[in-house]
Amino acid sequence: MPAELVPFLLVVAVLTVTPGPDMALVLRNGVRDGVPAAWRTGLGCCAGIAVHATAAVVGLSAILAASATAFTVVKLLGAAYLVYLGISAIWHARSTGRSSVKQAAPEEPAQQGHGSAFRQGLLTNLLNPKIALLFLTLIPQFVSPGEPALATTATLAAVFLAAAVLWWRAFSFLVVPLGRLLSRDRMRQNFERLTGAVLVALGIRVALADL
């Protein structure tokens, strides 16, 4: 067991619950399509974390830290994807608003395909170079001198991933009360617009981020 496991867990807990693009997307999909969509989106985020963790363990994340070009390419791809998701959310709210005027009774929102929410979570996380740099800079600080670097790094990366899985599972249930609160069409549309705007703003923030 790594000597710095407890301090690492405390840091991971703070980082995991800190709002960001992943949380905005999980919240948006969960309110729109329920717990299964939130959970699948969270699993997609976890899959992205697993890729970043594996890259950090084998040292591939160092390429992003050392190459400004590689960092910029991934950063801009991630920013563009977040902006795309945000605009899609705003457009969906607009379309829902128009259709609700024509219908006497509101219908249930169309459910996303099983792979769609997962794919959104995966790409949002995978195209965020900050996550790669987080693993690259955070984990080595908790590898004590004398510990096997590879084994300890792998263990800490696995702990980070496990914490993410548990958090998104719990968070997927937390969106249910919010979904009930936003059961009215008008409130749901406003929330869709808000989360869309947040995703666009986060995309712009990612695009302007420095190495």
N, C-alpha and C. Protein backbone atom coordinates (compact mmCIF):
# COMPACT_ATOMS: atom_id res chain seq x y z
N MET A 1 0.84 -1.19 0.00
CA MET A 1 0.00 0.00 0.00
C MET A 1 0.89 1.25 0.00
N PRO A 2 0.62 2.23 -0.89
CA PRO A 2 1.43 3.44 -0.92
C PRO A 2 1.40 4.17 0.41
N ALA A 3 2.55 4.71 0.81
CA ALA A 3 2.65 5.39 2.10
C ALA A 3 1.80 6.65 2.16
N GLU A 4 1.61 7.30 1.02
CA GLU A 4 0.86 8.56 0.98
C GLU A 4 -0.58 8.36 0.50
N LEU A 5 -1.14 7.19 0.73
CA LEU A 5 -2.47 6.88 0.19
C LEU A 5 -3.55 7.77 0.79
N VAL A 6 -3.53 7.99 2.10
CA VAL A 6 -4.58 8.78 2.75
C VAL A 6 -4.57 10.23 2.26
N PRO A 7 -3.41 10.91 2.26
CA PRO A 7 -3.41 12.28 1.69
C PRO A 7 -3.85 12.30 0.24
N PHE A 8 -3.46 11.27 -0.52
CA PHE A 8 -3.85 11.20 -1.92
C PHE A 8 -5.37 11.08 -2.05
N LEU A 9 -5.99 10.27 -1.20
CA LEU A 9 -7.44 10.11 -1.22
C LEU A 9 -8.16 11.43 -0.94
N LEU A 10 -7.62 12.20 -0.01
CA LEU A 10 -8.23 13.49 0.31
C LEU A 10 -8.16 14.44 -0.89
N VAL A 11 -7.03 14.46 -1.55
CA VAL A 11 -6.89 15.31 -2.74
C VAL A 11 -7.81 14.85 -3.84
N VAL A 12 -7.87 13.54 -4.05
CA VAL A 12 -8.73 12.98 -5.10
C VAL A 12 -10.19 13.30 -4.83
N ALA A 13 -10.60 13.23 -3.57
CA ALA A 13 -11.99 13.53 -3.22
C ALA A 13 -12.35 14.96 -3.61
N VAL A 14 -11.46 15.88 -3.32
CA VAL A 14 -11.71 17.29 -3.66
C VAL A 14 -11.77 17.47 -5.18
N LEU A 15 -10.80 16.88 -5.88
CA LEU A 15 -10.75 17.02 -7.33
C LEU A 15 -11.96 16.38 -8.00
N THR A 16 -12.42 15.26 -7.47
CA THR A 16 -13.51 14.52 -8.09
C THR A 16 -14.82 15.28 -8.03
N VAL A 17 -15.09 15.96 -6.91
CA VAL A 17 -16.37 16.66 -6.76
C VAL A 17 -16.31 18.10 -7.24
N THR A 18 -15.15 18.56 -7.70
CA THR A 18 -15.03 19.92 -8.21
C THR A 18 -15.77 20.03 -9.55
N PRO A 19 -16.69 21.00 -9.69
CA PRO A 19 -17.44 21.13 -10.95
C PRO A 19 -16.52 21.40 -12.13
N GLY A 20 -16.89 20.86 -13.27
CA GLY A 20 -16.13 21.04 -14.50
C GLY A 20 -16.95 20.56 -15.69
N PRO A 21 -16.31 20.40 -16.85
CA PRO A 21 -17.04 19.95 -18.04
C PRO A 21 -17.75 18.61 -17.84
N ASP A 22 -17.08 17.66 -17.18
CA ASP A 22 -17.70 16.35 -16.97
C ASP A 22 -18.99 16.47 -16.17
N MET A 23 -18.94 17.24 -15.08
CA MET A 23 -20.12 17.37 -14.23
C MET A 23 -21.25 18.07 -14.96
N ALA A 24 -20.92 19.11 -15.72
CA ALA A 24 -21.95 19.83 -16.47
C ALA A 24 -22.64 18.90 -17.45
N LEU A 25 -21.87 18.04 -18.11
CA LEU A 25 -22.44 17.13 -19.10
C LEU A 25 -23.28 16.04 -18.44
N VAL A 26 -22.78 15.45 -17.35
CA VAL A 26 -23.53 14.41 -16.63
C VAL A 26 -24.84 14.99 -16.10
N LEU A 27 -24.77 16.18 -15.55
CA LEU A 27 -25.97 16.83 -15.01
C LEU A 27 -26.98 17.10 -16.12
N ARG A 28 -26.49 17.61 -17.23
CA ARG A 28 -27.39 17.92 -18.35
C ARG A 28 -28.07 16.66 -18.88
N ASN A 29 -27.30 15.60 -19.12
CA ASN A 29 -27.88 14.37 -19.64
C ASN A 29 -28.81 13.69 -18.64
N GLY A 30 -28.44 13.78 -17.34
CA GLY A 30 -29.27 13.16 -16.32
C GLY A 30 -30.61 13.84 -16.17
N VAL A 31 -30.61 15.17 -16.16
CA VAL A 31 -31.87 15.90 -16.03
C VAL A 31 -32.73 15.68 -17.27
N ARG A 32 -32.08 15.58 -18.41
CA ARG A 32 -32.82 15.41 -19.66
C ARG A 32 -33.38 14.00 -19.83
N ASP A 33 -32.56 12.97 -19.52
CA ASP A 33 -32.94 11.60 -19.84
C ASP A 33 -32.92 10.65 -18.65
N GLY A 34 -32.70 11.16 -17.42
CA GLY A 34 -32.81 10.32 -16.25
C GLY A 34 -31.50 9.69 -15.78
N VAL A 35 -31.64 8.86 -14.75
CA VAL A 35 -30.49 8.24 -14.10
C VAL A 35 -29.63 7.41 -15.06
N PRO A 36 -30.23 6.56 -15.91
CA PRO A 36 -29.39 5.75 -16.80
C PRO A 36 -28.47 6.58 -17.69
N ALA A 37 -28.99 7.71 -18.21
CA ALA A 37 -28.17 8.57 -19.06
C ALA A 37 -27.04 9.21 -18.26
N ALA A 38 -27.36 9.65 -17.04
CA ALA A 38 -26.32 10.24 -16.19
C ALA A 38 -25.23 9.21 -15.88
N TRP A 39 -25.63 7.99 -15.57
CA TRP A 39 -24.69 6.93 -15.23
C TRP A 39 -23.83 6.55 -16.43
N ARG A 40 -24.45 6.44 -17.60
CA ARG A 40 -23.67 6.10 -18.80
C ARG A 40 -22.69 7.22 -19.14
N THR A 41 -23.11 8.47 -18.96
CA THR A 41 -22.20 9.59 -19.20
C THR A 41 -21.03 9.55 -18.22
N GLY A 42 -21.34 9.27 -16.95
CA GLY A 42 -20.30 9.14 -15.95
C GLY A 42 -19.33 8.01 -16.25
N LEU A 43 -19.88 6.89 -16.74
CA LEU A 43 -19.01 5.77 -17.11
C LEU A 43 -18.09 6.15 -18.28
N GLY A 44 -18.63 6.95 -19.20
CA GLY A 44 -17.79 7.43 -20.29
C GLY A 44 -16.66 8.29 -19.78
N CYS A 45 -16.95 9.15 -18.80
CA CYS A 45 -15.91 9.97 -18.18
C CYS A 45 -14.86 9.07 -17.51
N CYS A 46 -15.33 8.02 -16.85
CA CYS A 46 -14.42 7.10 -16.18
C CYS A 46 -13.54 6.36 -17.19
N ALA A 47 -14.12 6.03 -18.34
CA ALA A 47 -13.32 5.38 -19.38
C ALA A 47 -12.22 6.32 -19.87
N GLY A 48 -12.55 7.60 -19.98
CA GLY A 48 -11.54 8.59 -20.35
C GLY A 48 -10.45 8.70 -19.30
N ILE A 49 -10.86 8.67 -18.03
CA ILE A 49 -9.88 8.71 -16.94
C ILE A 49 -8.98 7.49 -16.99
N ALA A 50 -9.56 6.32 -17.31
CA ALA A 50 -8.76 5.10 -17.41
C ALA A 50 -7.69 5.23 -18.49
N VAL A 51 -8.06 5.83 -19.61
CA VAL A 51 -7.08 6.03 -20.68
C VAL A 51 -5.97 6.97 -20.22
N HIS A 52 -6.35 8.10 -19.60
CA HIS A 52 -5.35 9.04 -19.11
C HIS A 52 -4.46 8.40 -18.05
N ALA A 53 -5.07 7.60 -17.16
CA ALA A 53 -4.30 6.95 -16.10
C ALA A 53 -3.30 5.97 -16.69
N THR A 54 -3.74 5.21 -17.68
CA THR A 54 -2.83 4.25 -18.33
C THR A 54 -1.69 4.98 -19.02
N ALA A 55 -2.03 6.08 -19.69
CA ALA A 55 -0.99 6.86 -20.36
C ALA A 55 0.02 7.42 -19.36
N ALA A 56 -0.49 7.85 -18.20
CA ALA A 56 0.41 8.40 -17.19
C ALA A 56 1.34 7.31 -16.64
N VAL A 57 0.78 6.11 -16.45
CA VAL A 57 1.58 5.01 -15.90
C VAL A 57 2.72 4.64 -16.84
N VAL A 58 2.43 4.59 -18.14
CA VAL A 58 3.46 4.20 -19.10
C VAL A 58 4.28 5.38 -19.60
N GLY A 59 3.94 6.58 -19.14
CA GLY A 59 4.76 7.75 -19.46
C GLY A 59 4.37 8.50 -20.70
N LEU A 60 3.25 8.12 -21.37
CA LEU A 60 2.89 8.79 -22.61
C LEU A 60 2.36 10.21 -22.37
N SER A 61 1.83 10.48 -21.19
CA SER A 61 1.31 11.81 -20.90
C SER A 61 2.41 12.86 -20.93
N ALA A 62 3.65 12.42 -20.75
CA ALA A 62 4.76 13.37 -20.78
C ALA A 62 4.86 14.07 -22.13
N ILE A 63 4.34 13.44 -23.18
CA ILE A 63 4.38 14.05 -24.51
C ILE A 63 3.57 15.34 -24.51
N LEU A 64 2.41 15.31 -23.85
CA LEU A 64 1.58 16.51 -23.78
C LEU A 64 2.26 17.61 -22.98
N ALA A 65 2.96 17.22 -21.93
CA ALA A 65 3.63 18.20 -21.09
C ALA A 65 4.83 18.81 -21.80
N ALA A 66 5.50 18.02 -22.64
CA ALA A 66 6.73 18.47 -23.29
C ALA A 66 6.47 19.14 -24.63
N SER A 67 5.37 18.80 -25.29
CA SER A 67 5.10 19.31 -26.63
C SER A 67 3.95 20.30 -26.61
N ALA A 68 4.26 21.56 -26.88
CA ALA A 68 3.22 22.58 -26.92
C ALA A 68 2.26 22.31 -28.07
N THR A 69 2.76 21.77 -29.17
CA THR A 69 1.91 21.47 -30.32
C THR A 69 0.89 20.39 -30.00
N ALA A 70 1.36 19.29 -29.38
CA ALA A 70 0.46 18.20 -29.01
C ALA A 70 -0.59 18.69 -28.03
N PHE A 71 -0.18 19.47 -27.06
CA PHE A 71 -1.11 20.00 -26.07
C PHE A 71 -2.16 20.87 -26.76
N THR A 72 -1.72 21.74 -27.66
CA THR A 72 -2.63 22.66 -28.33
C THR A 72 -3.65 21.92 -29.18
N VAL A 73 -3.21 20.88 -29.90
CA VAL A 73 -4.12 20.12 -30.76
C VAL A 73 -5.21 19.46 -29.92
N VAL A 74 -4.82 18.77 -28.86
CA VAL A 74 -5.80 18.10 -28.00
C VAL A 74 -6.70 19.12 -27.32
N LYS A 75 -6.11 20.23 -26.89
CA LYS A 75 -6.88 21.27 -26.21
C LYS A 75 -7.97 21.84 -27.13
N LEU A 76 -7.62 22.15 -28.37
CA LEU A 76 -8.58 22.73 -29.29
C LEU A 76 -9.67 21.73 -29.70
N LEU A 77 -9.28 20.46 -29.85
CA LEU A 77 -10.28 19.43 -30.14
C LEU A 77 -11.28 19.32 -28.99
N GLY A 78 -10.76 19.30 -27.77
CA GLY A 78 -11.64 19.22 -26.60
C GLY A 78 -12.53 20.44 -26.47
N ALA A 79 -11.96 21.62 -26.71
CA ALA A 79 -12.74 22.86 -26.63
C ALA A 79 -13.85 22.87 -27.67
N ALA A 80 -13.52 22.44 -28.90
CA ALA A 80 -14.52 22.42 -29.97
C ALA A 80 -15.66 21.45 -29.64
N TYR A 81 -15.32 20.32 -29.03
CA TYR A 81 -16.34 19.34 -28.69
C TYR A 81 -17.26 19.87 -27.60
N LEU A 82 -16.71 20.56 -26.60
CA LEU A 82 -17.54 21.13 -25.55
C LEU A 82 -18.47 22.20 -26.11
N VAL A 83 -17.95 23.04 -26.99
CA VAL A 83 -18.78 24.07 -27.61
C VAL A 83 -19.90 23.42 -28.43
N TYR A 84 -19.55 22.36 -29.15
CA TYR A 84 -20.56 21.62 -29.93
C TYR A 84 -21.67 21.08 -29.03
N LEU A 85 -21.29 20.46 -27.92
CA LEU A 85 -22.30 19.92 -26.99
C LEU A 85 -23.16 21.04 -26.42
N GLY A 86 -22.53 22.17 -26.10
CA GLY A 86 -23.28 23.29 -25.54
C GLY A 86 -24.29 23.85 -26.53
N ILE A 87 -23.86 24.04 -27.77
CA ILE A 87 -24.76 24.56 -28.80
C ILE A 87 -25.89 23.56 -29.07
N SER A 88 -25.55 22.27 -29.06
CA SER A 88 -26.58 21.24 -29.26
C SER A 88 -27.63 21.30 -28.15
N ALA A 89 -27.17 21.51 -26.90
CA ALA A 89 -28.12 21.60 -25.78
C ALA A 89 -29.03 22.81 -25.93
N ILE A 90 -28.46 23.94 -26.31
CA ILE A 90 -29.26 25.16 -26.49
C ILE A 90 -30.26 24.97 -27.62
N TRP A 91 -29.83 24.35 -28.71
CA TRP A 91 -30.71 24.10 -29.84
C TRP A 91 -31.83 23.12 -29.47
N HIS A 92 -31.48 22.09 -28.67
CA HIS A 92 -32.49 21.13 -28.23
C HIS A 92 -33.55 21.82 -27.38
N ALA A 93 -33.14 22.73 -26.51
CA ALA A 93 -34.09 23.46 -25.67
C ALA A 93 -35.02 24.30 -26.53
N ARG A 94 -34.46 24.91 -27.56
CA ARG A 94 -35.27 25.73 -28.46
C ARG A 94 -36.28 24.87 -29.21
N SER A 95 -35.82 23.72 -29.70
CA SER A 95 -36.71 22.81 -30.44
C SER A 95 -37.80 22.26 -29.55
N THR A 96 -37.45 21.92 -28.30
CA THR A 96 -38.43 21.41 -27.35
C THR A 96 -39.48 22.45 -27.04
N GLY A 97 -39.04 23.70 -26.94
CA GLY A 97 -39.97 24.77 -26.66
C GLY A 97 -40.98 24.95 -27.77
N ARG A 98 -40.52 24.85 -29.01
CA ARG A 98 -41.44 24.99 -30.14
C ARG A 98 -42.45 23.85 -30.18
N SER A 99 -41.96 22.62 -29.96
CA SER A 99 -42.86 21.46 -30.05
C SER A 99 -43.87 21.45 -28.92
N SER A 100 -43.50 21.97 -27.75
CA SER A 100 -44.42 21.95 -26.61
C SER A 100 -45.58 22.90 -26.83
N VAL A 101 -45.36 23.94 -27.64
CA VAL A 101 -46.45 24.88 -27.92
C VAL A 101 -47.51 24.21 -28.78
N LYS A 102 -47.07 23.29 -29.66
CA LYS A 102 -47.99 22.64 -30.59
C LYS A 102 -48.75 21.49 -29.95
N GLN A 103 -48.25 20.97 -28.82
CA GLN A 103 -48.86 19.80 -28.22
C GLN A 103 -49.67 20.19 -27.00
N ALA A 104 -50.85 19.62 -26.87
CA ALA A 104 -51.68 19.92 -25.71
C ALA A 104 -51.11 19.31 -24.46
N ALA A 105 -50.54 18.09 -24.58
CA ALA A 105 -49.95 17.41 -23.43
C ALA A 105 -48.48 17.17 -23.73
N PRO A 106 -47.58 17.52 -22.81
CA PRO A 106 -46.16 17.32 -23.04
C PRO A 106 -45.81 15.85 -23.10
N GLU A 107 -44.91 15.50 -24.00
CA GLU A 107 -44.45 14.13 -24.12
C GLU A 107 -43.14 13.95 -23.38
N GLU A 108 -42.80 12.70 -23.09
CA GLU A 108 -41.53 12.42 -22.46
C GLU A 108 -40.40 12.75 -23.43
N PRO A 109 -39.29 13.31 -22.96
CA PRO A 109 -38.18 13.63 -23.84
C PRO A 109 -37.61 12.38 -24.48
N ALA A 110 -37.17 12.52 -25.73
CA ALA A 110 -36.60 11.38 -26.44
C ALA A 110 -35.33 10.92 -25.73
N GLN A 111 -35.24 9.63 -25.50
CA GLN A 111 -34.07 9.08 -24.82
C GLN A 111 -32.90 8.96 -25.79
N GLN A 112 -31.72 9.24 -25.30
CA GLN A 112 -30.53 9.07 -26.10
C GLN A 112 -30.25 7.57 -26.26
N GLY A 113 -29.55 7.23 -27.31
CA GLY A 113 -29.11 5.86 -27.47
C GLY A 113 -28.17 5.47 -26.36
N HIS A 114 -28.08 4.18 -26.09
CA HIS A 114 -27.26 3.71 -24.97
C HIS A 114 -25.80 4.15 -25.13
N GLY A 115 -25.32 4.20 -26.37
CA GLY A 115 -23.93 4.56 -26.58
C GLY A 115 -23.67 6.03 -26.66
N SER A 116 -24.72 6.83 -26.89
CA SER A 116 -24.53 8.26 -27.09
C SER A 116 -24.02 8.96 -25.84
N ALA A 117 -24.68 8.74 -24.70
CA ALA A 117 -24.27 9.39 -23.46
C ALA A 117 -22.87 8.94 -23.06
N PHE A 118 -22.60 7.64 -23.20
CA PHE A 118 -21.27 7.12 -22.87
C PHE A 118 -20.22 7.78 -23.75
N ARG A 119 -20.50 7.89 -25.03
CA ARG A 119 -19.54 8.47 -25.97
C ARG A 119 -19.28 9.94 -25.66
N GLN A 120 -20.32 10.66 -25.29
CA GLN A 120 -20.15 12.06 -24.94
C GLN A 120 -19.23 12.21 -23.73
N GLY A 121 -19.48 11.40 -22.69
CA GLY A 121 -18.63 11.45 -21.51
C GLY A 121 -17.19 11.09 -21.82
N LEU A 122 -17.02 10.05 -22.64
CA LEU A 122 -15.68 9.59 -23.01
C LEU A 122 -14.91 10.68 -23.74
N LEU A 123 -15.53 11.26 -24.77
CA LEU A 123 -14.83 12.25 -25.58
C LEU A 123 -14.56 13.53 -24.81
N THR A 124 -15.53 13.96 -23.99
CA THR A 124 -15.32 15.17 -23.19
C THR A 124 -14.12 15.02 -22.27
N ASN A 125 -13.99 13.85 -21.65
CA ASN A 125 -12.87 13.62 -20.74
C ASN A 125 -11.58 13.36 -21.50
N LEU A 126 -11.67 12.56 -22.55
CA LEU A 126 -10.49 12.16 -23.30
C LEU A 126 -9.82 13.34 -23.98
N LEU A 127 -10.61 14.31 -24.43
CA LEU A 127 -10.08 15.45 -25.15
C LEU A 127 -9.76 16.62 -24.23
N ASN A 128 -9.63 16.33 -22.96
CA ASN A 128 -9.26 17.36 -21.99
C ASN A 128 -7.80 17.13 -21.56
N PRO A 129 -6.85 17.86 -22.14
CA PRO A 129 -5.44 17.63 -21.80
C PRO A 129 -5.12 17.95 -20.36
N LYS A 130 -5.97 18.74 -19.71
CA LYS A 130 -5.73 19.05 -18.30
C LYS A 130 -5.77 17.78 -17.44
N ILE A 131 -6.62 16.81 -17.84
CA ILE A 131 -6.70 15.56 -17.09
C ILE A 131 -5.38 14.80 -17.22
N ALA A 132 -4.84 14.76 -18.43
CA ALA A 132 -3.55 14.09 -18.64
C ALA A 132 -2.46 14.74 -17.81
N LEU A 133 -2.44 16.07 -17.81
CA LEU A 133 -1.42 16.78 -17.04
C LEU A 133 -1.65 16.63 -15.54
N LEU A 134 -2.91 16.49 -15.15
CA LEU A 134 -3.22 16.26 -13.74
C LEU A 134 -2.57 14.96 -13.26
N PHE A 135 -2.75 13.90 -14.03
CA PHE A 135 -2.14 12.63 -13.67
C PHE A 135 -0.63 12.72 -13.68
N LEU A 136 -0.11 13.43 -14.66
CA LEU A 136 1.33 13.53 -14.80
C LEU A 136 1.98 14.28 -13.65
N THR A 137 1.30 15.32 -13.15
CA THR A 137 1.89 16.16 -12.11
C THR A 137 1.46 15.78 -10.69
N LEU A 138 0.25 15.22 -10.56
CA LEU A 138 -0.27 14.92 -9.22
C LEU A 138 0.30 13.64 -8.64
N ILE A 139 0.19 12.54 -9.38
CA ILE A 139 0.55 11.23 -8.84
C ILE A 139 2.01 11.14 -8.38
N PRO A 140 2.98 11.67 -9.15
CA PRO A 140 4.37 11.55 -8.68
C PRO A 140 4.63 12.18 -7.32
N GLN A 141 3.81 13.16 -6.93
CA GLN A 141 4.00 13.80 -5.63
C GLN A 141 3.68 12.86 -4.47
N PHE A 142 2.95 11.78 -4.75
CA PHE A 142 2.54 10.85 -3.71
C PHE A 142 3.27 9.51 -3.80
N VAL A 143 4.33 9.49 -4.59
CA VAL A 143 5.20 8.31 -4.65
C VAL A 143 6.41 8.59 -3.77
N SER A 144 6.46 7.91 -2.63
CA SER A 144 7.54 8.15 -1.67
C SER A 144 8.86 7.56 -2.16
N PRO A 145 9.97 8.16 -1.75
CA PRO A 145 11.28 7.61 -2.11
C PRO A 145 11.42 6.17 -1.62
N GLY A 146 11.95 5.32 -2.46
CA GLY A 146 12.12 3.93 -2.10
C GLY A 146 11.00 3.03 -2.53
N GLU A 147 9.83 3.61 -2.87
CA GLU A 147 8.70 2.80 -3.35
C GLU A 147 8.90 2.49 -4.84
N PRO A 148 8.45 1.32 -5.29
CA PRO A 148 8.52 1.01 -6.73
C PRO A 148 7.64 1.97 -7.51
N ALA A 149 8.24 2.80 -8.34
CA ALA A 149 7.52 3.88 -9.00
C ALA A 149 6.37 3.38 -9.86
N LEU A 150 6.62 2.36 -10.67
CA LEU A 150 5.59 1.87 -11.59
C LEU A 150 4.40 1.29 -10.83
N ALA A 151 4.67 0.43 -9.85
CA ALA A 151 3.59 -0.21 -9.10
C ALA A 151 2.80 0.81 -8.29
N THR A 152 3.49 1.75 -7.66
CA THR A 152 2.81 2.76 -6.86
C THR A 152 1.97 3.68 -7.72
N THR A 153 2.52 4.08 -8.85
CA THR A 153 1.78 4.93 -9.77
C THR A 153 0.52 4.23 -10.28
N ALA A 154 0.66 2.96 -10.62
CA ALA A 154 -0.49 2.18 -11.09
C ALA A 154 -1.56 2.07 -10.00
N THR A 155 -1.13 1.86 -8.76
CA THR A 155 -2.07 1.75 -7.64
C THR A 155 -2.82 3.05 -7.42
N LEU A 156 -2.10 4.16 -7.42
CA LEU A 156 -2.73 5.46 -7.21
C LEU A 156 -3.67 5.81 -8.36
N ALA A 157 -3.29 5.46 -9.57
CA ALA A 157 -4.16 5.71 -10.72
C ALA A 157 -5.45 4.89 -10.60
N ALA A 158 -5.32 3.65 -10.14
CA ALA A 158 -6.49 2.79 -9.94
C ALA A 158 -7.40 3.36 -8.86
N VAL A 159 -6.81 3.90 -7.80
CA VAL A 159 -7.59 4.52 -6.73
C VAL A 159 -8.36 5.73 -7.26
N PHE A 160 -7.69 6.52 -8.07
CA PHE A 160 -8.34 7.69 -8.67
C PHE A 160 -9.54 7.26 -9.52
N LEU A 161 -9.35 6.22 -10.31
CA LEU A 161 -10.42 5.72 -11.17
C LEU A 161 -11.58 5.17 -10.35
N ALA A 162 -11.27 4.41 -9.30
CA ALA A 162 -12.31 3.84 -8.45
C ALA A 162 -13.13 4.95 -7.78
N ALA A 163 -12.46 6.00 -7.34
CA ALA A 163 -13.16 7.12 -6.73
C ALA A 163 -14.10 7.79 -7.73
N ALA A 164 -13.64 7.89 -8.98
CA ALA A 164 -14.47 8.50 -10.03
C ALA A 164 -15.71 7.66 -10.29
N VAL A 165 -15.55 6.33 -10.35
CA VAL A 165 -16.69 5.44 -10.59
C VAL A 165 -17.72 5.58 -9.48
N LEU A 166 -17.26 5.56 -8.23
CA LEU A 166 -18.17 5.68 -7.09
C LEU A 166 -18.88 7.03 -7.11
N TRP A 167 -18.15 8.09 -7.42
CA TRP A 167 -18.74 9.43 -7.42
C TRP A 167 -19.81 9.55 -8.49
N TRP A 168 -19.53 9.09 -9.70
CA TRP A 168 -20.52 9.24 -10.76
C TRP A 168 -21.73 8.37 -10.53
N ARG A 169 -21.54 7.22 -9.89
CA ARG A 169 -22.69 6.39 -9.55
C ARG A 169 -23.59 7.12 -8.56
N ALA A 170 -22.99 7.70 -7.54
CA ALA A 170 -23.77 8.45 -6.55
C ALA A 170 -24.40 9.69 -7.19
N PHE A 171 -23.62 10.39 -8.00
CA PHE A 171 -24.11 11.63 -8.61
C PHE A 171 -25.27 11.36 -9.57
N SER A 172 -25.24 10.19 -10.23
CA SER A 172 -26.32 9.86 -11.16
C SER A 172 -27.66 9.77 -10.44
N PHE A 173 -27.66 9.38 -9.17
CA PHE A 173 -28.90 9.34 -8.39
C PHE A 173 -29.27 10.73 -7.87
N LEU A 174 -28.27 11.57 -7.67
CA LEU A 174 -28.54 12.91 -7.16
C LEU A 174 -29.26 13.79 -8.18
N VAL A 175 -29.16 13.43 -9.47
CA VAL A 175 -29.83 14.25 -10.48
C VAL A 175 -31.34 14.01 -10.49
N VAL A 176 -31.80 12.94 -9.84
CA VAL A 176 -33.23 12.63 -9.85
C VAL A 176 -34.05 13.73 -9.19
N PRO A 177 -33.70 14.18 -7.96
CA PRO A 177 -34.48 15.27 -7.36
C PRO A 177 -34.46 16.52 -8.23
N LEU A 178 -33.32 16.81 -8.85
CA LEU A 178 -33.25 17.98 -9.71
C LEU A 178 -34.14 17.79 -10.94
N GLY A 179 -34.18 16.56 -11.45
CA GLY A 179 -35.04 16.27 -12.59
C GLY A 179 -36.52 16.49 -12.24
N ARG A 180 -36.90 16.11 -11.02
CA ARG A 180 -38.29 16.33 -10.59
C ARG A 180 -38.58 17.82 -10.46
N LEU A 181 -37.60 18.55 -9.94
CA LEU A 181 -37.77 19.99 -9.80
C LEU A 181 -37.94 20.65 -11.16
N LEU A 182 -37.27 20.08 -12.15
CA LEU A 182 -37.30 20.65 -13.49
C LEU A 182 -38.29 19.92 -14.40
N SER A 183 -39.33 19.33 -13.79
CA SER A 183 -40.28 18.54 -14.57
C SER A 183 -41.13 19.41 -15.50
N ARG A 184 -41.31 20.67 -15.17
CA ARG A 184 -42.06 21.56 -16.04
C ARG A 184 -41.24 21.85 -17.29
N ASP A 185 -41.91 21.93 -18.42
CA ASP A 185 -41.22 22.15 -19.69
C ASP A 185 -40.38 23.42 -19.67
N ARG A 186 -40.97 24.50 -19.15
CA ARG A 186 -40.27 25.78 -19.16
C ARG A 186 -38.99 25.72 -18.34
N MET A 187 -39.07 25.12 -17.17
CA MET A 187 -37.90 25.03 -16.31
C MET A 187 -36.84 24.12 -16.94
N ARG A 188 -37.31 23.02 -17.55
CA ARG A 188 -36.37 22.10 -18.19
C ARG A 188 -35.66 22.79 -19.37
N GLN A 189 -36.40 23.57 -20.12
CA GLN A 189 -35.79 24.28 -21.25
C GLN A 189 -34.77 25.30 -20.77
N ASN A 190 -35.11 26.02 -19.70
CA ASN A 190 -34.17 27.00 -19.15
C ASN A 190 -32.91 26.33 -18.63
N PHE A 191 -33.11 25.16 -17.99
CA PHE A 191 -31.94 24.43 -17.49
C PHE A 191 -31.08 23.95 -18.65
N GLU A 192 -31.72 23.49 -19.71
CA GLU A 192 -30.99 23.03 -20.90
C GLU A 192 -30.18 24.18 -21.48
N ARG A 193 -30.77 25.35 -21.54
CA ARG A 193 -30.06 26.52 -22.05
C ARG A 193 -28.88 26.88 -21.14
N LEU A 194 -29.13 26.80 -19.82
CA LEU A 194 -28.08 27.15 -18.86
C LEU A 194 -26.89 26.21 -18.98
N THR A 195 -27.16 24.89 -18.97
CA THR A 195 -26.06 23.94 -19.06
C THR A 195 -25.37 24.04 -20.42
N GLY A 196 -26.15 24.33 -21.46
CA GLY A 196 -25.53 24.53 -22.77
C GLY A 196 -24.58 25.71 -22.74
N ALA A 197 -25.01 26.82 -22.12
CA ALA A 197 -24.16 27.99 -22.02
C ALA A 197 -22.90 27.70 -21.20
N VAL A 198 -23.08 26.90 -20.14
CA VAL A 198 -21.93 26.53 -19.30
C VAL A 198 -20.93 25.70 -20.12
N LEU A 199 -21.42 24.74 -20.90
CA LEU A 199 -20.54 23.92 -21.72
C LEU A 199 -19.80 24.77 -22.75
N VAL A 200 -20.49 25.72 -23.36
CA VAL A 200 -19.83 26.61 -24.32
C VAL A 200 -18.75 27.44 -23.61
N ALA A 201 -19.09 27.97 -22.43
CA ALA A 201 -18.11 28.77 -21.67
C ALA A 201 -16.91 27.93 -21.27
N LEU A 202 -17.16 26.68 -20.86
CA LEU A 202 -16.06 25.80 -20.49
C LEU A 202 -15.19 25.48 -21.71
N GLY A 203 -15.83 25.31 -22.87
CA GLY A 203 -15.06 25.07 -24.09
C GLY A 203 -14.15 26.24 -24.42
N ILE A 204 -14.68 27.46 -24.28
CA ILE A 204 -13.87 28.64 -24.53
C ILE A 204 -12.73 28.73 -23.52
N ARG A 205 -13.03 28.39 -22.27
CA ARG A 205 -12.00 28.42 -21.23
C ARG A 205 -10.89 27.42 -21.54
N VAL A 206 -11.27 26.21 -21.97
CA VAL A 206 -10.27 25.21 -22.33
C VAL A 206 -9.42 25.70 -23.50
N ALA A 207 -10.07 26.33 -24.49
CA ALA A 207 -9.34 26.80 -25.67
C ALA A 207 -8.32 27.86 -25.30
N LEU A 208 -8.62 28.67 -24.29
CA LEU A 208 -7.72 29.76 -23.89
C LEU A 208 -6.71 29.34 -22.83
N ALA A 209 -6.81 28.11 -22.36
CA ALA A 209 -5.91 27.64 -21.29
C ALA A 209 -4.48 27.52 -21.80
N ASP A 210 -3.53 27.81 -20.92
CA ASP A 210 -2.12 27.69 -21.24
C ASP A 210 -1.60 26.36 -20.74
N LEU A 211 -0.47 25.96 -21.29
CA LEU A 211 0.19 24.73 -20.84
C LEU A 211 0.67 24.88 -19.42
